[in-house]
């Protein structure tokens, strides 16, 4: 359902107030806060709408030396990031950072933190250590990290389709 009403206004909550409990009295604008028609409502703003989206278009290629090259696209909540003209997504975060988890079933067998670019090389030695040898498919969980923390991750299973030089 979509509600199209111009009277609705977003709550103006400062970043410093995120995580702090708020108590509201909700009801008609012409009623006094102490009126019995007003309802008490408590909530704690998390700032989820300020976090970047999960990365997209995760791809994997095997290099001739057996390493796996993982690449993805950064996403952003800035309005300018939704452009069909720009070749690169503008970044509204101060830094670019990712956490990557290599999965074996639901469990992470390797976690790589604070990647600063949208790529990672999963070496043949790492594959041998984690899985006993080279793999032809891989499940990963990828978090983009913003100023307010990790976003909901991109979780994807990849199969090698092509070899890169």
N, C-alpha and C. Protein backbone atom coordinates (compact mmCIF):
# COMPACT_ATOMS: atom_id res chain seq x y z
N UNK A 1 0.84 -1.16 0.00
CA UNK A 1 0.00 0.00 0.00
C UNK A 1 0.90 1.23 0.00
N UNK A 2 0.49 2.23 -0.77
CA UNK A 2 1.19 3.50 -0.82
C UNK A 2 0.22 4.58 -0.41
N UNK A 3 0.62 5.43 0.52
CA UNK A 3 -0.20 6.53 0.99
C UNK A 3 0.39 7.82 0.46
N UNK A 4 -0.36 8.50 -0.40
CA UNK A 4 0.11 9.75 -1.00
C UNK A 4 -0.65 10.91 -0.36
N UNK A 5 -0.05 11.50 0.66
CA UNK A 5 -0.65 12.62 1.37
C UNK A 5 0.44 13.65 1.59
N UNK A 6 0.21 14.86 1.12
CA UNK A 6 1.23 15.90 1.25
C UNK A 6 1.33 16.45 2.66
N UNK A 7 0.34 16.15 3.52
CA UNK A 7 0.35 16.66 4.89
C UNK A 7 1.35 15.92 5.79
N UNK A 8 1.79 14.72 5.38
CA UNK A 8 2.72 13.96 6.21
C UNK A 8 4.10 14.61 6.16
N UNK A 9 4.72 14.71 7.31
CA UNK A 9 6.05 15.29 7.40
C UNK A 9 6.98 14.31 8.09
N UNK A 10 8.22 14.18 7.61
CA UNK A 10 9.16 13.29 8.31
C UNK A 10 9.52 13.85 9.68
N UNK A 11 9.83 12.96 10.59
CA UNK A 11 10.27 13.40 11.91
C UNK A 11 11.68 13.97 11.79
N UNK A 12 11.91 15.08 12.41
CA UNK A 12 13.26 15.66 12.39
C UNK A 12 13.98 15.22 13.66
N UNK A 13 14.83 14.23 13.49
CA UNK A 13 15.57 13.66 14.63
C UNK A 13 17.05 13.85 14.34
N UNK A 14 17.74 14.47 15.25
CA UNK A 14 19.18 14.69 15.08
C UNK A 14 19.94 13.38 15.26
N UNK A 15 21.09 13.27 14.59
CA UNK A 15 21.89 12.04 14.71
C UNK A 15 22.25 11.74 16.15
N UNK A 16 22.46 12.77 16.96
CA UNK A 16 22.79 12.59 18.37
C UNK A 16 21.66 11.96 19.17
N UNK A 17 20.44 12.00 18.65
CA UNK A 17 19.29 11.42 19.35
C UNK A 17 19.01 9.97 18.94
N UNK A 18 19.75 9.46 17.96
CA UNK A 18 19.55 8.07 17.55
C UNK A 18 19.92 7.14 18.69
N UNK A 19 19.08 6.14 18.92
CA UNK A 19 19.32 5.17 19.98
C UNK A 19 18.76 5.59 21.32
N UNK A 20 18.25 6.81 21.43
CA UNK A 20 17.65 7.28 22.68
C UNK A 20 16.14 7.11 22.61
N UNK A 21 15.50 6.66 23.70
CA UNK A 21 14.05 6.48 23.68
C UNK A 21 13.31 7.82 23.61
N UNK A 22 12.24 7.84 22.82
CA UNK A 22 11.38 9.01 22.67
C UNK A 22 9.99 8.65 23.15
N UNK A 23 9.31 9.59 23.77
CA UNK A 23 7.92 9.41 24.20
C UNK A 23 7.08 10.48 23.51
N UNK A 24 6.05 10.04 22.80
CA UNK A 24 5.20 10.94 22.04
C UNK A 24 3.76 10.84 22.52
N UNK A 25 3.03 11.92 22.36
CA UNK A 25 1.58 11.93 22.56
C UNK A 25 1.01 12.18 21.17
N UNK A 26 0.18 11.25 20.70
CA UNK A 26 -0.29 11.28 19.32
C UNK A 26 -1.81 11.45 19.31
N UNK A 27 -2.27 12.34 18.47
CA UNK A 27 -3.70 12.58 18.33
C UNK A 27 -3.96 13.75 17.42
N UNK A 28 -5.19 14.25 17.42
CA UNK A 28 -5.54 15.38 16.55
C UNK A 28 -4.73 16.63 16.90
N UNK A 29 -4.40 17.41 15.88
CA UNK A 29 -3.59 18.61 16.08
C UNK A 29 -4.29 19.64 16.95
N UNK A 30 -5.62 19.62 16.95
CA UNK A 30 -6.34 20.63 17.73
C UNK A 30 -6.61 20.20 19.17
N UNK A 31 -6.13 19.02 19.58
CA UNK A 31 -6.33 18.54 20.96
C UNK A 31 -5.11 18.87 21.80
N UNK A 32 -5.34 19.14 23.07
CA UNK A 32 -4.24 19.41 24.00
C UNK A 32 -3.49 18.11 24.30
N UNK A 33 -2.17 18.18 24.56
CA UNK A 33 -1.42 16.95 24.87
C UNK A 33 -2.01 16.15 26.04
N UNK A 34 -2.69 16.84 26.97
CA UNK A 34 -3.26 16.13 28.13
C UNK A 34 -4.66 15.57 27.85
N UNK A 35 -5.22 15.83 26.68
CA UNK A 35 -6.56 15.36 26.34
C UNK A 35 -6.59 13.83 26.33
N UNK A 36 -7.70 13.25 26.75
CA UNK A 36 -7.84 11.78 26.82
C UNK A 36 -7.78 11.12 25.44
N UNK A 37 -8.05 11.88 24.38
CA UNK A 37 -8.01 11.32 23.03
C UNK A 37 -6.57 11.04 22.58
N UNK A 38 -5.61 11.70 23.18
CA UNK A 38 -4.21 11.54 22.83
C UNK A 38 -3.70 10.19 23.32
N UNK A 39 -2.90 9.53 22.50
CA UNK A 39 -2.34 8.23 22.86
C UNK A 39 -0.83 8.37 23.08
N UNK A 40 -0.35 7.67 24.09
CA UNK A 40 1.09 7.67 24.36
C UNK A 40 1.76 6.64 23.46
N UNK A 41 2.88 6.99 22.89
CA UNK A 41 3.63 6.07 22.03
C UNK A 41 5.11 6.26 22.32
N UNK A 42 5.83 5.17 22.56
CA UNK A 42 7.27 5.22 22.78
C UNK A 42 7.98 4.55 21.61
N UNK A 43 9.11 5.08 21.21
CA UNK A 43 9.93 4.43 20.19
C UNK A 43 11.36 4.91 20.33
N UNK A 44 12.26 4.15 19.76
CA UNK A 44 13.68 4.49 19.78
C UNK A 44 14.15 4.56 18.33
N UNK A 45 14.46 5.75 17.82
CA UNK A 45 14.92 5.87 16.43
C UNK A 45 16.28 5.19 16.25
N UNK A 46 16.37 4.38 15.19
CA UNK A 46 17.61 3.64 14.95
C UNK A 46 18.48 4.27 13.86
N UNK A 47 17.88 5.09 13.02
CA UNK A 47 18.64 5.68 11.93
C UNK A 47 18.80 4.75 10.74
N UNK A 48 18.01 3.68 10.69
CA UNK A 48 18.14 2.71 9.59
C UNK A 48 18.03 3.38 8.22
N UNK A 49 17.17 4.37 8.11
CA UNK A 49 17.00 5.06 6.84
C UNK A 49 18.21 5.88 6.43
N UNK A 50 19.17 6.06 7.31
CA UNK A 50 20.38 6.81 7.00
C UNK A 50 21.54 5.90 6.60
N UNK A 51 21.35 4.59 6.76
CA UNK A 51 22.42 3.64 6.41
C UNK A 51 22.41 3.37 4.92
N UNK A 52 23.57 3.08 4.36
CA UNK A 52 23.61 2.77 2.92
C UNK A 52 22.89 1.45 2.63
N UNK A 53 22.48 1.29 1.39
CA UNK A 53 21.88 0.04 0.96
C UNK A 53 22.94 -1.06 0.90
N UNK A 54 22.50 -2.30 0.80
CA UNK A 54 23.43 -3.42 0.63
C UNK A 54 24.11 -3.29 -0.74
N UNK A 55 25.34 -3.76 -0.87
CA UNK A 55 26.01 -3.75 -2.18
C UNK A 55 25.20 -4.56 -3.20
N UNK A 56 25.54 -4.40 -4.47
CA UNK A 56 24.81 -5.08 -5.54
C UNK A 56 25.77 -5.67 -6.56
N UNK A 57 25.22 -6.50 -7.43
CA UNK A 57 25.93 -7.09 -8.57
C UNK A 57 27.25 -7.75 -8.19
N UNK A 58 27.20 -8.62 -7.21
CA UNK A 58 28.38 -9.38 -6.79
C UNK A 58 28.74 -10.38 -7.89
N UNK A 59 30.01 -10.38 -8.30
CA UNK A 59 30.48 -11.26 -9.36
C UNK A 59 31.77 -11.95 -8.92
N UNK A 60 32.03 -13.11 -9.51
CA UNK A 60 33.24 -13.87 -9.16
C UNK A 60 33.85 -14.46 -10.43
N UNK A 61 35.18 -14.36 -10.53
CA UNK A 61 35.92 -14.98 -11.63
C UNK A 61 37.14 -15.70 -11.07
N UNK A 62 37.47 -16.83 -11.66
CA UNK A 62 38.70 -17.52 -11.28
C UNK A 62 39.83 -17.03 -12.16
N UNK A 63 40.95 -16.70 -11.53
CA UNK A 63 42.15 -16.32 -12.26
C UNK A 63 42.90 -17.59 -12.65
N UNK A 64 43.83 -17.47 -13.57
CA UNK A 64 44.57 -18.64 -14.03
C UNK A 64 45.41 -19.27 -12.92
N UNK A 65 45.76 -18.50 -11.88
CA UNK A 65 46.55 -19.04 -10.77
C UNK A 65 45.67 -19.70 -9.70
N UNK A 66 44.35 -19.76 -9.92
CA UNK A 66 43.45 -20.42 -8.97
C UNK A 66 42.76 -19.46 -8.00
N UNK A 67 43.22 -18.22 -7.91
CA UNK A 67 42.58 -17.23 -7.05
C UNK A 67 41.18 -16.90 -7.58
N UNK A 68 40.30 -16.50 -6.68
CA UNK A 68 38.96 -16.04 -7.07
C UNK A 68 38.89 -14.53 -6.86
N UNK A 69 38.49 -13.83 -7.91
CA UNK A 69 38.35 -12.39 -7.83
C UNK A 69 36.87 -12.07 -7.62
N UNK A 70 36.54 -11.46 -6.47
CA UNK A 70 35.17 -11.04 -6.17
C UNK A 70 35.07 -9.54 -6.39
N UNK A 71 34.02 -9.10 -7.08
CA UNK A 71 33.79 -7.67 -7.32
C UNK A 71 32.31 -7.37 -7.11
N UNK A 72 32.01 -6.15 -6.69
CA UNK A 72 30.62 -5.75 -6.49
C UNK A 72 30.50 -4.25 -6.70
N UNK A 73 29.26 -3.77 -6.68
CA UNK A 73 29.00 -2.34 -6.83
C UNK A 73 28.54 -1.75 -5.50
N UNK A 74 29.11 -0.61 -5.17
CA UNK A 74 28.69 0.15 -3.99
C UNK A 74 27.35 0.80 -4.30
N UNK A 75 26.50 0.88 -3.28
CA UNK A 75 25.22 1.59 -3.42
C UNK A 75 25.16 2.71 -2.39
N UNK A 76 24.29 3.68 -2.64
CA UNK A 76 24.21 4.84 -1.76
C UNK A 76 22.77 5.34 -1.71
N UNK A 77 22.41 5.96 -0.60
CA UNK A 77 21.06 6.51 -0.44
C UNK A 77 20.91 7.93 -0.98
N UNK A 78 22.00 8.56 -1.36
CA UNK A 78 21.93 9.92 -1.89
C UNK A 78 21.06 9.93 -3.15
N UNK A 79 20.24 10.96 -3.32
CA UNK A 79 19.37 11.04 -4.50
C UNK A 79 20.18 11.04 -5.78
N UNK A 80 21.36 11.63 -5.76
CA UNK A 80 22.19 11.67 -6.96
C UNK A 80 22.72 10.29 -7.34
N UNK A 81 22.63 9.32 -6.44
CA UNK A 81 23.11 7.96 -6.74
C UNK A 81 22.17 7.22 -7.68
N UNK A 82 20.98 7.75 -7.88
CA UNK A 82 19.98 7.10 -8.74
C UNK A 82 19.98 7.73 -10.13
N UNK A 83 21.16 7.94 -10.66
CA UNK A 83 21.29 8.60 -11.96
C UNK A 83 21.61 7.56 -13.04
N UNK A 84 21.01 7.74 -14.20
CA UNK A 84 21.30 6.88 -15.36
C UNK A 84 22.43 7.47 -16.20
N UNK A 85 22.88 8.66 -15.83
CA UNK A 85 23.89 9.37 -16.61
C UNK A 85 25.29 9.16 -16.05
N UNK A 86 25.41 9.18 -14.72
CA UNK A 86 26.73 9.09 -14.09
C UNK A 86 27.33 7.70 -14.27
N UNK A 87 28.64 7.64 -14.46
CA UNK A 87 29.31 6.34 -14.62
C UNK A 87 29.67 5.71 -13.29
N UNK A 88 29.76 6.52 -12.22
CA UNK A 88 30.08 6.01 -10.90
C UNK A 88 29.05 6.54 -9.91
N UNK A 89 28.70 5.72 -8.93
CA UNK A 89 27.74 6.13 -7.91
C UNK A 89 28.40 7.13 -6.98
N UNK A 90 27.82 8.34 -6.83
CA UNK A 90 28.38 9.29 -5.87
C UNK A 90 28.33 8.71 -4.45
N UNK A 91 29.26 9.09 -3.62
CA UNK A 91 29.32 8.53 -2.27
C UNK A 91 29.01 9.62 -1.25
N UNK A 92 27.99 9.37 -0.42
CA UNK A 92 27.63 10.33 0.62
C UNK A 92 28.29 10.00 1.96
N UNK A 93 28.84 8.80 2.09
CA UNK A 93 29.55 8.42 3.31
C UNK A 93 30.95 9.02 3.28
N UNK A 94 31.54 9.23 4.46
CA UNK A 94 32.89 9.81 4.54
C UNK A 94 33.94 8.83 4.02
N UNK A 95 33.71 7.53 4.21
CA UNK A 95 34.65 6.52 3.75
C UNK A 95 33.91 5.36 3.12
N UNK A 96 34.63 4.58 2.34
CA UNK A 96 34.08 3.37 1.73
C UNK A 96 34.63 2.17 2.50
N UNK A 97 33.73 1.31 3.01
CA UNK A 97 34.19 0.17 3.80
C UNK A 97 33.20 -0.99 3.69
N UNK A 98 33.73 -2.21 3.73
CA UNK A 98 32.93 -3.43 3.62
C UNK A 98 33.47 -4.49 4.57
N UNK A 99 32.59 -5.38 5.00
CA UNK A 99 32.96 -6.62 5.68
C UNK A 99 32.46 -7.76 4.81
N UNK A 100 33.30 -8.75 4.59
CA UNK A 100 32.96 -9.89 3.74
C UNK A 100 33.13 -11.17 4.55
N UNK A 101 32.12 -12.03 4.47
CA UNK A 101 32.19 -13.33 5.14
C UNK A 101 32.08 -14.42 4.09
N UNK A 102 33.03 -15.36 4.10
CA UNK A 102 32.99 -16.54 3.26
C UNK A 102 32.24 -17.60 4.06
N UNK A 103 31.20 -18.18 3.47
CA UNK A 103 30.32 -19.09 4.21
C UNK A 103 30.51 -20.54 3.81
N UNK A 104 30.33 -21.42 4.78
CA UNK A 104 30.21 -22.85 4.56
C UNK A 104 28.91 -23.23 5.24
N UNK A 105 27.83 -23.32 4.45
CA UNK A 105 26.50 -23.43 5.04
C UNK A 105 26.18 -22.08 5.67
N UNK A 106 25.58 -22.07 6.85
CA UNK A 106 25.26 -20.79 7.48
C UNK A 106 26.44 -20.17 8.25
N UNK A 107 27.49 -20.95 8.46
CA UNK A 107 28.62 -20.48 9.28
C UNK A 107 29.70 -19.81 8.42
N UNK A 108 30.28 -18.76 8.96
CA UNK A 108 31.38 -18.08 8.29
C UNK A 108 32.68 -18.83 8.57
N UNK A 109 33.41 -19.19 7.50
CA UNK A 109 34.71 -19.84 7.67
C UNK A 109 35.85 -18.83 7.58
N UNK A 110 35.55 -17.66 7.02
CA UNK A 110 36.56 -16.60 6.93
C UNK A 110 35.82 -15.26 6.93
N UNK A 111 36.32 -14.31 7.71
CA UNK A 111 35.76 -12.97 7.77
C UNK A 111 36.85 -11.97 7.44
N UNK A 112 36.58 -11.12 6.48
CA UNK A 112 37.52 -10.09 6.07
C UNK A 112 36.87 -8.76 6.41
N UNK A 113 37.50 -7.95 7.26
CA UNK A 113 36.90 -6.71 7.72
C UNK A 113 37.62 -5.50 7.13
N UNK A 114 36.88 -4.42 7.07
CA UNK A 114 37.40 -3.12 6.65
C UNK A 114 38.04 -3.11 5.27
N UNK A 115 37.41 -3.79 4.32
CA UNK A 115 37.85 -3.66 2.93
C UNK A 115 37.53 -2.24 2.49
N UNK A 116 38.42 -1.60 1.77
CA UNK A 116 38.22 -0.20 1.39
C UNK A 116 37.92 -0.01 -0.09
N UNK A 117 37.75 -1.12 -0.82
CA UNK A 117 37.35 -1.02 -2.22
C UNK A 117 36.38 -2.17 -2.51
N UNK A 118 35.59 -2.05 -3.57
CA UNK A 118 34.57 -3.06 -3.86
C UNK A 118 35.12 -4.29 -4.58
N UNK A 119 36.16 -4.89 -4.01
CA UNK A 119 36.72 -6.11 -4.58
C UNK A 119 37.53 -6.84 -3.52
N UNK A 120 37.71 -8.13 -3.75
CA UNK A 120 38.53 -8.94 -2.85
C UNK A 120 39.06 -10.14 -3.64
N UNK A 121 40.31 -10.51 -3.40
CA UNK A 121 40.89 -11.71 -4.01
C UNK A 121 40.94 -12.80 -2.96
N UNK A 122 40.18 -13.86 -3.21
CA UNK A 122 40.14 -15.04 -2.35
C UNK A 122 41.15 -16.01 -2.93
N UNK A 123 42.33 -16.02 -2.34
CA UNK A 123 43.45 -16.76 -2.92
C UNK A 123 43.23 -18.27 -2.88
N UNK A 124 43.98 -18.95 -3.73
CA UNK A 124 43.93 -20.41 -3.75
C UNK A 124 44.36 -20.98 -2.39
N UNK A 125 45.33 -20.33 -1.74
CA UNK A 125 45.78 -20.78 -0.42
C UNK A 125 44.66 -20.64 0.61
N UNK A 126 43.91 -19.54 0.55
CA UNK A 126 42.78 -19.35 1.47
C UNK A 126 41.71 -20.41 1.23
N UNK A 127 41.42 -20.70 -0.04
CA UNK A 127 40.43 -21.72 -0.37
C UNK A 127 40.86 -23.08 0.19
N UNK A 128 42.15 -23.39 0.04
CA UNK A 128 42.67 -24.65 0.57
C UNK A 128 42.55 -24.72 2.08
N UNK A 129 42.83 -23.62 2.75
CA UNK A 129 42.73 -23.58 4.20
C UNK A 129 41.28 -23.70 4.67
N UNK A 130 40.36 -23.05 3.95
CA UNK A 130 38.95 -23.02 4.37
C UNK A 130 38.16 -24.24 3.93
N UNK A 131 38.48 -24.78 2.73
CA UNK A 131 37.66 -25.86 2.17
C UNK A 131 38.45 -27.10 1.76
N UNK A 132 39.77 -27.09 1.95
CA UNK A 132 40.57 -28.25 1.59
C UNK A 132 41.00 -28.27 0.14
N UNK A 133 40.70 -27.26 -0.62
CA UNK A 133 41.09 -27.19 -2.03
C UNK A 133 40.31 -26.11 -2.75
N UNK A 134 40.51 -26.07 -4.07
CA UNK A 134 39.82 -25.08 -4.89
C UNK A 134 38.32 -25.33 -4.88
N UNK A 135 37.55 -24.25 -4.93
CA UNK A 135 36.09 -24.36 -4.94
C UNK A 135 35.55 -23.91 -6.30
N UNK A 136 34.39 -24.46 -6.68
CA UNK A 136 33.76 -24.02 -7.93
C UNK A 136 32.52 -23.16 -7.66
N UNK A 137 32.06 -23.19 -6.40
CA UNK A 137 30.96 -22.31 -6.00
C UNK A 137 31.28 -21.78 -4.61
N UNK A 138 30.70 -20.64 -4.30
CA UNK A 138 31.04 -19.96 -3.06
C UNK A 138 29.83 -19.19 -2.58
N UNK A 139 29.54 -19.28 -1.28
CA UNK A 139 28.49 -18.46 -0.68
C UNK A 139 29.15 -17.40 0.18
N UNK A 140 28.67 -16.18 0.04
CA UNK A 140 29.26 -15.06 0.78
C UNK A 140 28.16 -14.18 1.37
N UNK A 141 28.56 -13.45 2.40
CA UNK A 141 27.71 -12.43 3.01
C UNK A 141 28.53 -11.15 3.01
N UNK A 142 27.99 -10.10 2.39
CA UNK A 142 28.74 -8.87 2.18
C UNK A 142 27.98 -7.70 2.81
N UNK A 143 28.66 -7.00 3.72
CA UNK A 143 28.08 -5.83 4.40
C UNK A 143 28.77 -4.57 3.89
N UNK A 144 27.98 -3.57 3.53
CA UNK A 144 28.54 -2.24 3.31
C UNK A 144 28.44 -1.53 4.65
N UNK A 145 29.46 -0.77 5.02
CA UNK A 145 29.50 -0.12 6.33
C UNK A 145 29.39 1.39 6.14
N UNK A 146 28.44 1.97 6.85
CA UNK A 146 28.26 3.42 6.82
C UNK A 146 28.63 4.02 8.16
N UNK A 147 28.42 5.30 8.30
CA UNK A 147 28.74 6.01 9.54
C UNK A 147 27.96 5.46 10.72
N UNK A 148 26.77 4.90 10.46
CA UNK A 148 25.93 4.37 11.54
C UNK A 148 26.07 2.84 11.69
N UNK A 149 26.99 2.22 10.96
CA UNK A 149 27.23 0.79 11.13
C UNK A 149 26.96 -0.02 9.87
N UNK A 150 26.89 -1.33 10.07
CA UNK A 150 26.67 -2.27 8.98
C UNK A 150 25.22 -2.24 8.50
N UNK A 151 25.05 -2.46 7.22
CA UNK A 151 23.71 -2.56 6.66
C UNK A 151 23.28 -4.01 6.60
N UNK A 152 22.03 -4.23 6.23
CA UNK A 152 21.57 -5.58 5.95
C UNK A 152 22.45 -6.12 4.83
N UNK A 153 22.99 -7.32 4.99
CA UNK A 153 23.98 -7.77 4.01
C UNK A 153 23.38 -8.30 2.71
N UNK A 154 24.22 -8.31 1.70
CA UNK A 154 23.94 -9.05 0.47
C UNK A 154 24.45 -10.46 0.73
N UNK A 155 23.58 -11.45 0.69
CA UNK A 155 23.99 -12.84 0.85
C UNK A 155 23.74 -13.53 -0.48
N UNK A 156 24.79 -14.15 -1.03
CA UNK A 156 24.67 -14.69 -2.38
C UNK A 156 25.54 -15.92 -2.55
N UNK A 157 25.06 -16.87 -3.35
CA UNK A 157 25.86 -18.02 -3.76
C UNK A 157 26.31 -17.78 -5.18
N UNK A 158 27.60 -17.98 -5.41
CA UNK A 158 28.21 -17.71 -6.72
C UNK A 158 28.79 -18.99 -7.28
N UNK A 159 28.72 -19.13 -8.59
CA UNK A 159 29.33 -20.25 -9.28
C UNK A 159 30.26 -19.68 -10.35
N UNK A 160 31.41 -20.30 -10.50
CA UNK A 160 32.39 -19.83 -11.48
C UNK A 160 31.85 -20.10 -12.89
N UNK A 161 31.78 -19.02 -13.69
CA UNK A 161 31.30 -19.15 -15.05
C UNK A 161 32.38 -18.84 -16.07
N UNK A 162 33.37 -18.07 -15.65
CA UNK A 162 34.41 -17.68 -16.59
C UNK A 162 35.74 -17.50 -15.86
N UNK A 163 36.81 -17.61 -16.60
CA UNK A 163 38.14 -17.46 -16.03
C UNK A 163 38.72 -16.13 -16.49
N UNK A 164 39.33 -15.42 -15.56
CA UNK A 164 39.95 -14.14 -15.87
C UNK A 164 41.45 -14.33 -15.98
N UNK A 165 42.12 -13.51 -16.78
CA UNK A 165 43.59 -13.63 -16.90
C UNK A 165 44.29 -13.21 -15.62
